[in-house]
Structure formats: structure tokens, C-alpha cells
């Protein structure tokens, strides 16, 4: 399912529900319809930045473990594909950018309306 985020401060952002669910759950927001008010936007920005940093640390640890593997050929096809997945920072950048713009212009971010 797609979620379309809207704000007077930025262009619409369209995301898959499963990509933004972690953020919405952490903010106690419904994925079908909701608002991140200007007052909540600073907290939402900090949360997303924290999630991105945690994801980067996990990826570094996984890369370190993979680098310690005996040989690249030992990795099965699934492991090779897993290395090439889209990062959380890339997935969340559009909504993070929108929230920053909304915070700067003191606007809300809405979805499901």
C-alpha cells in the first residue's frame, strides 16, 4: 500500500507503507490517516536520524563480518543480494527532507486526506 504525505512546505512524498511503518509506529501514528504537527516535527526528525544511524552501525557490523569470511565465493546468492539492498537512509530521505522543510516553515505533514 502506498502512503502519500503532503505538506505546504514541500512537494508530495509517496512511500510504501512497509518502508515508513517503523517510523509511524515509533511516533504512535496510524498509517491510514494522520498528521505530524509542526510541534511534533522536531521529534520526528530526531527519531528518523536515530534510526538511520542505528541502521548504518548494523550495516558496518555486517560488512565487517562479511569481510572476515574466508572467500567471496563462499557466500550464497542470497547473501550477495542482501548486500545490495537499499539502505534505510535512502528510503527515509524523502520524508526526512519533507519534515525538515515543514519544520523550517512551521507547517504540518499530513497523509490519508
C-alpha atoms as a PDB file:
ATOM      1  CA  UNK A   1       0.000   0.000   0.000  1.00  0.00           C
ATOM      2  CA  UNK A   2       1.182   3.499  -0.798  1.00  0.00           C
ATOM      3  CA  UNK A   3       1.039   6.458   1.566  1.00  0.00           C
ATOM      4  CA  UNK A   4       1.059   9.980   0.164  1.00  0.00           C
ATOM      5  CA  UNK A   5       2.500  12.585   2.523  1.00  0.00           C
ATOM      6  CA  UNK A   6       1.501  16.208   1.954  1.00  0.00           C
ATOM      7  CA  UNK A   7       2.715  19.498   3.341  1.00  0.00           C
ATOM      8  CA  UNK A   8       2.505  23.126   2.308  1.00  0.00           C
ATOM      9  CA  UNK A   9       6.277  23.262   2.813  1.00  0.00           C
ATOM     10  CA  UNK A  10       7.296  20.630   0.226  1.00  0.00           C
ATOM     11  CA  UNK A  11       6.203  18.508  -2.701  1.00  0.00           C
ATOM     12  CA  UNK A  12       4.232  15.321  -2.033  1.00  0.00           C
ATOM     13  CA  UNK A  13       6.184  12.270  -0.923  1.00  0.00           C
ATOM     14  CA  UNK A  14       4.886   8.819  -1.880  1.00  0.00           C
ATOM     15  CA  UNK A  15       6.161   5.854   0.120  1.00  0.00           C
ATOM     16  CA  UNK A  16       5.333   2.198   0.606  1.00  0.00           C
ATOM     17  CA  UNK A  17       3.602   1.570   3.927  1.00  0.00           C
ATOM     18  CA  UNK A  18       6.149  -1.095   4.900  1.00  0.00           C
ATOM     19  CA  UNK A  19       9.036   1.364   4.407  1.00  0.00           C
ATOM     20  CA  UNK A  20       7.597   4.040   6.701  1.00  0.00           C
ATOM     21  CA  UNK A  21       5.800   1.760   9.193  1.00  0.00           C
ATOM     22  CA  UNK A  22       8.765   1.707  11.595  1.00  0.00           C
ATOM     23  CA  UNK A  23       8.698   5.499  11.868  1.00  0.00           C
ATOM     24  CA  UNK A  24       4.923   5.810  12.153  1.00  0.00           C
ATOM     25  CA  UNK A  25       4.792   3.090  14.823  1.00  0.00           C
ATOM     26  CA  UNK A  26       7.534   4.808  16.835  1.00  0.00           C
ATOM     27  CA  UNK A  27       5.564   8.064  16.624  1.00  0.00           C
ATOM     28  CA  UNK A  28       2.298   6.250  17.559  1.00  0.00           C
ATOM     29  CA  UNK A  29       0.707   7.324  14.285  1.00  0.00           C
ATOM     30  CA  UNK A  30      -1.857   5.467  12.187  1.00  0.00           C
ATOM     31  CA  UNK A  31      -0.655   4.544   8.716  1.00  0.00           C
ATOM     32  CA  UNK A  32      -4.056   5.161   7.103  1.00  0.00           C
ATOM     33  CA  UNK A  33      -4.546   8.765   8.129  1.00  0.00           C
ATOM     34  CA  UNK A  34      -2.658  11.173  10.316  1.00  0.00           C
ATOM     35  CA  UNK A  35      -0.663  14.304  10.907  1.00  0.00           C
ATOM     36  CA  UNK A  36       2.760  15.197  12.202  1.00  0.00           C
ATOM     37  CA  UNK A  37       2.265  18.705  13.527  1.00  0.00           C
ATOM     38  CA  UNK A  38       4.905  21.398  13.482  1.00  0.00           C
ATOM     39  CA  UNK A  39       5.328  20.838  17.228  1.00  0.00           C
ATOM     40  CA  UNK A  40       5.987  17.111  16.652  1.00  0.00           C
ATOM     41  CA  UNK A  41       8.256  17.543  13.641  1.00  0.00           C
ATOM     42  CA  UNK A  42      11.496  18.103  15.576  1.00  0.00           C
ATOM     43  CA  UNK A  43      10.913  14.853  17.483  1.00  0.00           C
ATOM     44  CA  UNK A  44      10.101  13.010  14.230  1.00  0.00           C
ATOM     45  CA  UNK A  45      13.290  14.321  12.579  1.00  0.00           C
ATOM     46  CA  UNK A  46      15.401  13.227  15.554  1.00  0.00           C
ATOM     47  CA  UNK A  47      13.763   9.792  15.532  1.00  0.00           C
ATOM     48  CA  UNK A  48      14.426   9.245  11.828  1.00  0.00           C
ATOM     49  CA  UNK A  49      18.033  10.397  12.191  1.00  0.00           C
ATOM     50  CA  UNK A  50      18.488   7.970  15.099  1.00  0.00           C
ATOM     51  CA  UNK A  51      17.002   5.079  13.101  1.00  0.00           C
ATOM     52  CA  UNK A  52      19.292   5.867  10.172  1.00  0.00           C
ATOM     53  CA  UNK A  53      22.361   5.966  12.412  1.00  0.00           C
ATOM     54  CA  UNK A  54      21.428   2.632  14.001  1.00  0.00           C
ATOM     55  CA  UNK A  55      20.961   1.105  10.544  1.00  0.00           C
ATOM     56  CA  UNK A  56      24.394   2.385   9.474  1.00  0.00           C
ATOM     57  CA  UNK A  57      26.002   0.799  12.534  1.00  0.00           C
ATOM     58  CA  UNK A  58      24.298  -2.535  11.858  1.00  0.00           C
ATOM     59  CA  UNK A  59      25.412  -2.442   8.208  1.00  0.00           C
ATOM     60  CA  UNK A  60      29.005  -1.718   9.277  1.00  0.00           C
ATOM     61  CA  UNK A  61      28.941  -4.695  11.613  1.00  0.00           C
ATOM     62  CA  UNK A  62      27.516  -6.939   8.883  1.00  0.00           C
ATOM     63  CA  UNK A  63      30.147  -5.741   6.406  1.00  0.00           C
ATOM     64  CA  UNK A  64      32.848  -6.426   8.946  1.00  0.00           C
ATOM     65  CA  UNK A  65      31.552  -9.954   9.437  1.00  0.00           C
ATOM     66  CA  UNK A  66      31.334 -10.468   5.672  1.00  0.00           C
ATOM     67  CA  UNK A  67      34.865  -9.132   5.186  1.00  0.00           C
ATOM     68  CA  UNK A  68      36.103 -11.721   7.643  1.00  0.00           C
ATOM     69  CA  UNK A  69      34.589 -14.528   5.573  1.00  0.00           C
ATOM     70  CA  UNK A  70      37.176 -16.808   4.015  1.00  0.00           C
ATOM     71  CA  UNK A  71      36.196 -16.218   0.427  1.00  0.00           C
ATOM     72  CA  UNK A  72      33.572 -14.244  -1.511  1.00  0.00           C
ATOM     73  CA  UNK A  73      32.664 -17.399  -3.415  1.00  0.00           C
ATOM     74  CA  UNK A  74      31.536 -18.962  -0.134  1.00  0.00           C
ATOM     75  CA  UNK A  75      28.627 -16.543   0.066  1.00  0.00           C
ATOM     76  CA  UNK A  76      25.448 -17.878  -1.426  1.00  0.00           C
ATOM     77  CA  UNK A  77      23.398 -15.871  -3.893  1.00  0.00           C
ATOM     78  CA  UNK A  78      21.002 -14.676  -1.174  1.00  0.00           C
ATOM     79  CA  UNK A  79      23.821 -13.133   0.857  1.00  0.00           C
ATOM     80  CA  UNK A  80      25.215 -11.357  -2.205  1.00  0.00           C
ATOM     81  CA  UNK A  81      21.799  -9.844  -2.995  1.00  0.00           C
ATOM     82  CA  UNK A  82      21.300  -8.838   0.625  1.00  0.00           C
ATOM     83  CA  UNK A  83      24.435  -6.692   0.444  1.00  0.00           C
ATOM     84  CA  UNK A  84      22.932  -4.669  -2.386  1.00  0.00           C
ATOM     85  CA  UNK A  85      19.661  -3.750  -0.663  1.00  0.00           C
ATOM     86  CA  UNK A  86      18.526  -0.148  -0.433  1.00  0.00           C
ATOM     87  CA  UNK A  87      19.644   1.482   2.804  1.00  0.00           C
ATOM     88  CA  UNK A  88      17.227   2.858   5.357  1.00  0.00           C
ATOM     89  CA  UNK A  89      18.705   6.321   4.880  1.00  0.00           C
ATOM     90  CA  UNK A  90      17.896   6.195   1.174  1.00  0.00           C
ATOM     91  CA  UNK A  91      14.340   5.029   1.849  1.00  0.00           C
ATOM     92  CA  UNK A  92      13.649   7.645   4.533  1.00  0.00           C
ATOM     93  CA  UNK A  93      15.431  10.601   2.932  1.00  0.00           C
ATOM     94  CA  UNK A  94      12.341  11.981   1.118  1.00  0.00           C
ATOM     95  CA  UNK A  95      10.186  12.089   4.255  1.00  0.00           C
ATOM     96  CA  UNK A  96      13.095  13.403   6.333  1.00  0.00           C
ATOM     97  CA  UNK A  97      13.614  16.182   3.794  1.00  0.00           C
ATOM     98  CA  UNK A  98       9.895  16.994   3.883  1.00  0.00           C
ATOM     99  CA  UNK A  99       9.851  17.080   7.691  1.00  0.00           C
ATOM    100  CA  UNK A 100      12.862  19.394   7.763  1.00  0.00           C
ATOM    101  CA  UNK A 101      11.179  21.771   5.301  1.00  0.00           C
ATOM    102  CA  UNK A 102       7.903  21.617   7.233  1.00  0.00           C
ATOM    103  CA  UNK A 103       9.716  22.328  10.491  1.00  0.00           C
ATOM    104  CA  UNK A 104      11.546  25.272   8.967  1.00  0.00           C
ATOM    105  CA  UNK A 105       8.307  26.754   7.576  1.00  0.00           C
ATOM    106  CA  UNK A 106       6.273  25.760  10.655  1.00  0.00           C
ATOM    107  CA  UNK A 107       3.879  23.575   8.659  1.00  0.00           C
ATOM    108  CA  UNK A 108       2.278  20.176   9.320  1.00  0.00           C
ATOM    109  CA  UNK A 109       2.753  16.946   7.384  1.00  0.00           C
ATOM    110  CA  UNK A 110      -0.489  15.083   6.549  1.00  0.00           C
ATOM    111  CA  UNK A 111      -1.370  11.761   4.971  1.00  0.00           C
ATOM    112  CA  UNK A 112      -4.589   9.928   4.134  1.00  0.00           C
ATOM    113  CA  UNK A 113      -6.503  13.139   3.430  1.00  0.00           C
END
